């Protein structure tokens, strides 16, 4: 099925396109103001009811969002996703060797993200049992995982070797790193590698995690504040990270080239290379 994300900007004669163009100029507008601007900028007579119907559809498609003042503006998440997909299209056109398919998933809590990333990695095809690799600024807390999530995690760790690099080296990173090692991963805590996003590859699938500024700052705070994994730490994690409303994205790219390149980068940290 064709991706309809671009419809509001490609169908230039539509009301959708007019609304996106007007709100893309920056100022949030009420429905009445938006209806007036559409008529002014397009020289078309469009009823208030027709504007309302189109705005409602754009809200459902998450192109727009409603402010606390009952005005409308462009959803930054839609802009973000569109930018990622446009970049992928450009890369596919420029590349002579590989077609990449990109999917973007958005989660409103860390707990939902953790469950989803386990499922996605577990389900990633890996018939050749390629080594898995992970790069994270902080070790991802496994606190709050369901029994099903935990069993899936243990199962995927038996299908291939996994190497994790945690770039920070706090006491909590060390503790969570030891837990991962006990589960079967080979873990290194502390590294000079830098990356915009945390990453995980399994087979030919690469998963990049955009925690966003708020979650990223909360992770830094928690890992800096707590020196050990005790009740106080667990309560802080559960209250201010695991269950707290947030916006976390997974960018899932099917790309042998990118996955293999990332895998080699991580394995260099362990002075090893993937088998040919």
Protein backbone atom coordinates (compact mmCIF):
# COMPACT_ATOMS: atom_id res chain seq x y z
CA UNK A 1 0.00 0.00 0.00
CA UNK A 2 1.43 3.43 -0.92
CA UNK A 3 2.58 5.55 1.98
CA UNK A 4 -0.01 8.30 2.51
CA UNK A 5 2.24 10.37 4.76
CA UNK A 6 3.11 12.69 1.87
CA UNK A 7 -0.46 13.26 0.64
CA UNK A 8 -0.93 16.58 2.47
CA UNK A 9 2.15 18.06 0.78
CA UNK A 10 1.94 16.37 -2.65
CA UNK A 11 -1.72 17.00 -3.44
CA UNK A 12 -1.18 20.73 -3.82
CA UNK A 13 -4.77 21.54 -4.83
CA UNK A 14 -6.32 19.90 -1.78
CA UNK A 15 -7.62 21.46 1.41
CA UNK A 16 -5.18 19.25 3.30
CA UNK A 17 -2.25 20.83 1.48
CA UNK A 18 -3.59 24.34 2.12
CA UNK A 19 -3.93 23.64 5.84
CA UNK A 20 -0.41 22.19 6.09
CA UNK A 21 1.01 25.13 4.13
CA UNK A 22 -0.75 27.73 6.30
CA UNK A 23 0.08 26.13 9.65
CA UNK A 24 3.61 25.46 8.41
CA UNK A 25 4.14 29.22 8.49
CA UNK A 26 4.41 28.89 12.25
CA UNK A 27 1.50 30.45 14.10
CA UNK A 28 -1.13 28.15 15.70
CA UNK A 29 -4.63 29.02 14.49
CA UNK A 30 -8.16 28.37 15.68
CA UNK A 31 -10.58 26.61 13.35
CA UNK A 32 -12.25 29.92 12.52
CA UNK A 33 -8.90 31.61 11.81
CA UNK A 34 -7.76 28.66 9.72
CA UNK A 35 -10.93 28.70 7.63
CA UNK A 36 -10.47 32.41 6.96
CA UNK A 37 -6.82 31.94 5.99
CA UNK A 38 -7.65 29.13 3.56
CA UNK A 39 -10.15 31.37 1.75
CA UNK A 40 -7.72 34.28 1.78
CA UNK A 41 -4.66 32.39 0.53
CA UNK A 42 -6.36 30.07 -1.98
CA UNK A 43 -9.18 32.34 -3.20
CA UNK A 44 -11.54 29.39 -2.69
CA UNK A 45 -14.83 29.45 -0.85
CA UNK A 46 -14.59 26.61 1.65
CA UNK A 47 -17.14 26.22 4.40
CA UNK A 48 -16.32 26.11 8.09
CA UNK A 49 -17.75 22.57 8.21
CA UNK A 50 -15.47 21.40 5.37
CA UNK A 51 -12.44 22.87 7.15
CA UNK A 52 -13.47 21.16 10.38
CA UNK A 53 -13.86 17.79 8.60
CA UNK A 54 -10.39 18.06 7.01
CA UNK A 55 -8.73 19.18 10.25
CA UNK A 56 -10.33 16.23 12.05
CA UNK A 57 -8.88 13.87 9.44
CA UNK A 58 -5.42 15.44 9.75
CA UNK A 59 -5.59 15.03 13.53
CA UNK A 60 -6.41 11.33 13.08
CA UNK A 61 -3.45 10.99 10.70
CA UNK A 62 -1.29 12.77 13.31
CA UNK A 63 -0.30 15.48 10.82
CA UNK A 64 -1.77 18.14 13.12
CA UNK A 65 -2.03 18.51 16.86
CA UNK A 66 -4.32 20.61 19.04
CA UNK A 67 -2.86 23.04 21.56
CA UNK A 68 -4.14 23.71 25.05
CA UNK A 69 -5.60 26.99 23.70
CA UNK A 70 -7.79 24.97 21.27
CA UNK A 71 -5.72 26.02 18.30
CA UNK A 72 -4.05 23.83 15.69
CA UNK A 73 -0.45 23.44 14.67
CA UNK A 74 1.74 21.00 12.73
CA UNK A 75 2.65 17.87 14.67
CA UNK A 76 6.45 17.86 15.04
CA UNK A 77 6.36 14.07 15.07
CA UNK A 78 4.90 14.06 11.55
CA UNK A 79 7.63 16.44 10.39
CA UNK A 80 10.26 14.20 11.98
CA UNK A 81 8.89 11.04 10.32
CA UNK A 82 8.59 12.77 6.95
CA UNK A 83 12.21 13.96 7.16
CA UNK A 84 13.42 10.42 7.90
CA UNK A 85 11.45 8.90 5.02
CA UNK A 86 12.56 11.61 2.58
CA UNK A 87 16.19 10.99 3.54
CA UNK A 88 15.69 7.26 2.96
CA UNK A 89 14.20 7.96 -0.47
CA UNK A 90 17.22 10.09 -1.34
CA UNK A 91 19.63 7.40 -0.12
CA UNK A 92 17.80 4.76 -2.15
CA UNK A 93 18.00 6.89 -5.29
CA UNK A 94 21.68 7.69 -4.74
CA UNK A 95 22.62 4.10 -3.90
CA UNK A 96 23.41 1.65 -6.68
CA UNK A 97 23.77 -1.35 -4.41
CA UNK A 98 20.88 -1.62 -1.99
CA UNK A 99 17.30 -0.66 -1.48
CA UNK A 100 16.48 0.30 2.10
CA UNK A 101 13.09 0.01 3.73
CA UNK A 102 12.46 2.22 6.75
CA UNK A 103 9.69 2.00 9.33
CA UNK A 104 9.20 4.39 12.25
CA UNK A 105 7.50 3.43 15.51
CA UNK A 106 6.54 5.90 18.24
CA UNK A 107 5.88 5.06 21.90
CA UNK A 108 4.52 7.19 24.71
CA UNK A 109 6.37 5.46 27.57
CA UNK A 110 9.75 3.82 28.05
CA UNK A 111 7.99 0.65 29.19
CA UNK A 112 6.16 0.31 25.86
CA UNK A 113 9.39 1.03 23.98
CA UNK A 114 11.28 -1.68 25.90
CA UNK A 115 8.62 -4.27 25.14
CA UNK A 116 8.53 -3.29 21.45
CA UNK A 117 12.30 -3.33 20.87
CA UNK A 118 12.54 -6.82 22.36
CA UNK A 119 9.75 -8.04 20.06
CA UNK A 120 11.23 -6.33 16.97
CA UNK A 121 14.72 -7.73 17.53
CA UNK A 122 13.32 -11.15 18.38
CA UNK A 123 11.34 -11.21 15.12
CA UNK A 124 14.15 -9.87 12.89
CA UNK A 125 15.15 -12.60 10.38
CA UNK A 126 18.64 -13.93 11.03
CA UNK A 127 19.00 -17.26 9.17
CA UNK A 128 22.80 -16.94 9.04
CA UNK A 129 22.96 -16.33 12.80
CA UNK A 130 24.90 -13.10 12.34
CA UNK A 131 26.33 -11.57 15.48
CA UNK A 132 24.04 -9.01 17.10
CA UNK A 133 25.40 -5.65 18.25
CA UNK A 134 24.17 -2.85 20.47
CA UNK A 135 25.44 0.64 21.24
CA UNK A 136 23.86 2.60 24.09
CA UNK A 137 24.79 5.73 26.01
CA UNK A 138 23.37 4.09 29.13
CA UNK A 139 22.50 0.45 29.63
CA UNK A 140 18.79 0.03 28.97
CA UNK A 141 17.08 -0.79 32.29
CA UNK A 142 15.26 -4.13 32.31
CA UNK A 143 13.13 -3.03 35.27
CA UNK A 144 9.40 -3.54 34.73
CA UNK A 145 9.61 -6.09 31.90
CA UNK A 146 6.72 -8.52 31.75
CA UNK A 147 7.32 -12.25 32.01
CA UNK A 148 6.65 -12.56 28.27
CA UNK A 149 9.16 -9.78 27.45
CA UNK A 150 11.79 -11.39 29.64
CA UNK A 151 11.28 -14.81 28.07
CA UNK A 152 11.49 -13.33 24.55
CA UNK A 153 14.71 -11.54 25.53
CA UNK A 154 16.26 -14.75 26.81
CA UNK A 155 15.10 -16.60 23.70
CA UNK A 156 16.60 -14.12 21.24
CA UNK A 157 19.91 -14.23 23.11
CA UNK A 158 20.14 -17.96 22.38
CA UNK A 159 19.78 -17.51 18.61
CA UNK A 160 23.06 -15.62 18.10
CA UNK A 161 25.95 -14.00 19.94
CA UNK A 162 25.32 -10.45 21.09
CA UNK A 163 27.89 -7.75 21.82
CA UNK A 164 26.93 -4.59 23.73
CA UNK A 165 28.88 -1.37 24.09
CA UNK A 166 27.68 1.03 26.80
CA UNK A 167 29.52 4.30 26.30
CA UNK A 168 28.94 5.71 29.82
CA UNK A 169 30.61 4.16 32.84
CA UNK A 170 28.55 4.90 35.92
CA UNK A 171 27.94 2.39 38.74
CA UNK A 172 24.44 1.75 37.38
CA UNK A 173 25.81 1.12 33.89
CA UNK A 174 28.17 -1.40 35.45
CA UNK A 175 25.33 -3.09 37.36
CA UNK A 176 22.98 -3.35 34.38
CA UNK A 177 25.91 -4.42 32.22
CA UNK A 178 26.59 -7.32 34.58
CA UNK A 179 22.92 -8.34 34.35
CA UNK A 180 23.13 -8.40 30.56
CA UNK A 181 26.33 -10.43 30.73
CA UNK A 182 24.62 -12.96 32.99
CA UNK A 183 21.89 -13.26 30.37
CA UNK A 184 24.45 -14.19 27.73
CA UNK A 185 25.66 -10.96 26.15
CA UNK A 186 29.28 -9.87 25.84
CA UNK A 187 29.35 -6.39 27.35
CA UNK A 188 31.83 -3.51 27.43
CA UNK A 189 31.10 -0.56 29.72
CA UNK A 190 32.89 2.66 28.81
CA UNK A 191 33.80 3.74 25.28
CA UNK A 192 34.73 6.79 23.23
CA UNK A 193 32.29 5.90 20.46
CA UNK A 194 29.77 8.70 19.84
CA UNK A 195 26.45 8.40 18.03
CA UNK A 196 23.32 10.49 17.65
CA UNK A 197 21.11 7.55 18.61
CA UNK A 198 21.40 4.29 20.52
CA UNK A 199 21.53 1.42 18.03
CA UNK A 200 20.83 -2.30 17.85
CA UNK A 201 21.34 -4.62 14.89
CA UNK A 202 20.06 -8.14 14.38
CA UNK A 203 20.65 -9.90 11.08
CA UNK A 204 20.24 -7.25 8.39
CA UNK A 205 17.91 -5.10 10.48
CA UNK A 206 19.18 -1.93 12.16
CA UNK A 207 17.19 -0.27 14.95
CA UNK A 208 18.03 3.31 15.96
CA UNK A 209 16.44 4.68 19.12
CA UNK A 210 15.63 8.36 19.49
CA UNK A 211 14.80 8.87 23.16
CA UNK A 212 14.25 12.60 22.75
CA UNK A 213 15.68 15.31 25.00
CA UNK A 214 13.45 14.70 28.02
CA UNK A 215 14.08 10.96 28.30
CA UNK A 216 17.77 11.43 27.52
CA UNK A 217 18.10 13.99 30.35
CA UNK A 218 16.16 11.74 32.74
CA UNK A 219 18.46 8.81 31.97
CA UNK A 220 21.52 11.00 32.61
CA UNK A 221 20.03 12.22 35.89
CA UNK A 222 19.14 8.77 37.19
CA UNK A 223 22.43 7.16 36.20
CA UNK A 224 24.40 10.04 37.72
CA UNK A 225 22.40 10.20 40.95
CA UNK A 226 22.25 6.54 41.97
CA UNK A 227 25.29 4.51 42.89
CA UNK A 228 23.61 1.11 43.11
CA UNK A 229 20.47 -0.72 42.10
CA UNK A 230 18.44 -0.53 45.31
CA UNK A 231 14.79 0.22 46.12
CA UNK A 232 15.33 3.96 45.78
CA UNK A 233 16.81 3.52 42.31
CA UNK A 234 14.06 1.16 41.18
CA UNK A 235 11.35 3.55 42.41
CA UNK A 236 13.01 6.44 40.58
CA UNK A 237 13.23 4.39 37.38
CA UNK A 238 9.61 3.24 37.58
CA UNK A 239 8.19 6.68 38.42
CA UNK A 240 10.33 8.97 36.28
CA UNK A 241 11.32 6.76 33.34
CA UNK A 242 9.49 3.46 32.83
CA UNK A 243 5.89 4.68 33.24
CA UNK A 244 6.30 8.42 32.62
CA UNK A 245 4.68 9.84 29.49
CA UNK A 246 7.27 10.56 26.82
CA UNK A 247 7.88 10.29 23.08
CA UNK A 248 10.39 7.64 22.02
CA UNK A 249 10.96 6.58 18.43
CA UNK A 250 12.49 3.50 16.87
CA UNK A 251 13.79 3.95 13.32
CA UNK A 252 13.89 0.46 11.79
CA UNK A 253 16.01 0.14 8.65
CA UNK A 254 16.32 -3.05 6.62
CA UNK A 255 19.84 -2.66 5.27
CA UNK A 256 22.57 -5.27 5.02
CA UNK A 257 25.21 -2.62 4.35
CA UNK A 258 24.35 -0.42 7.34
CA UNK A 259 23.89 -3.38 9.68
CA UNK A 260 27.20 -4.95 8.67
CA UNK A 261 29.02 -1.61 9.00
CA UNK A 262 27.60 -1.03 12.49
CA UNK A 263 28.38 -4.62 13.51
CA UNK A 264 32.03 -4.22 12.49
CA UNK A 265 32.26 -0.92 14.43
CA UNK A 266 31.04 -2.55 17.63
CA UNK A 267 33.15 -5.68 17.29
CA UNK A 268 36.29 -3.55 16.96
CA UNK A 269 35.70 -2.58 20.59
CA UNK A 270 36.18 -6.25 21.46
CA UNK A 271 39.15 -6.72 19.12
CA UNK A 272 37.23 -9.16 16.98
CA UNK A 273 35.60 -9.26 13.56
CA UNK A 274 32.46 -10.96 12.28
CA UNK A 275 33.05 -14.27 10.46
CA UNK A 276 32.96 -14.05 6.68
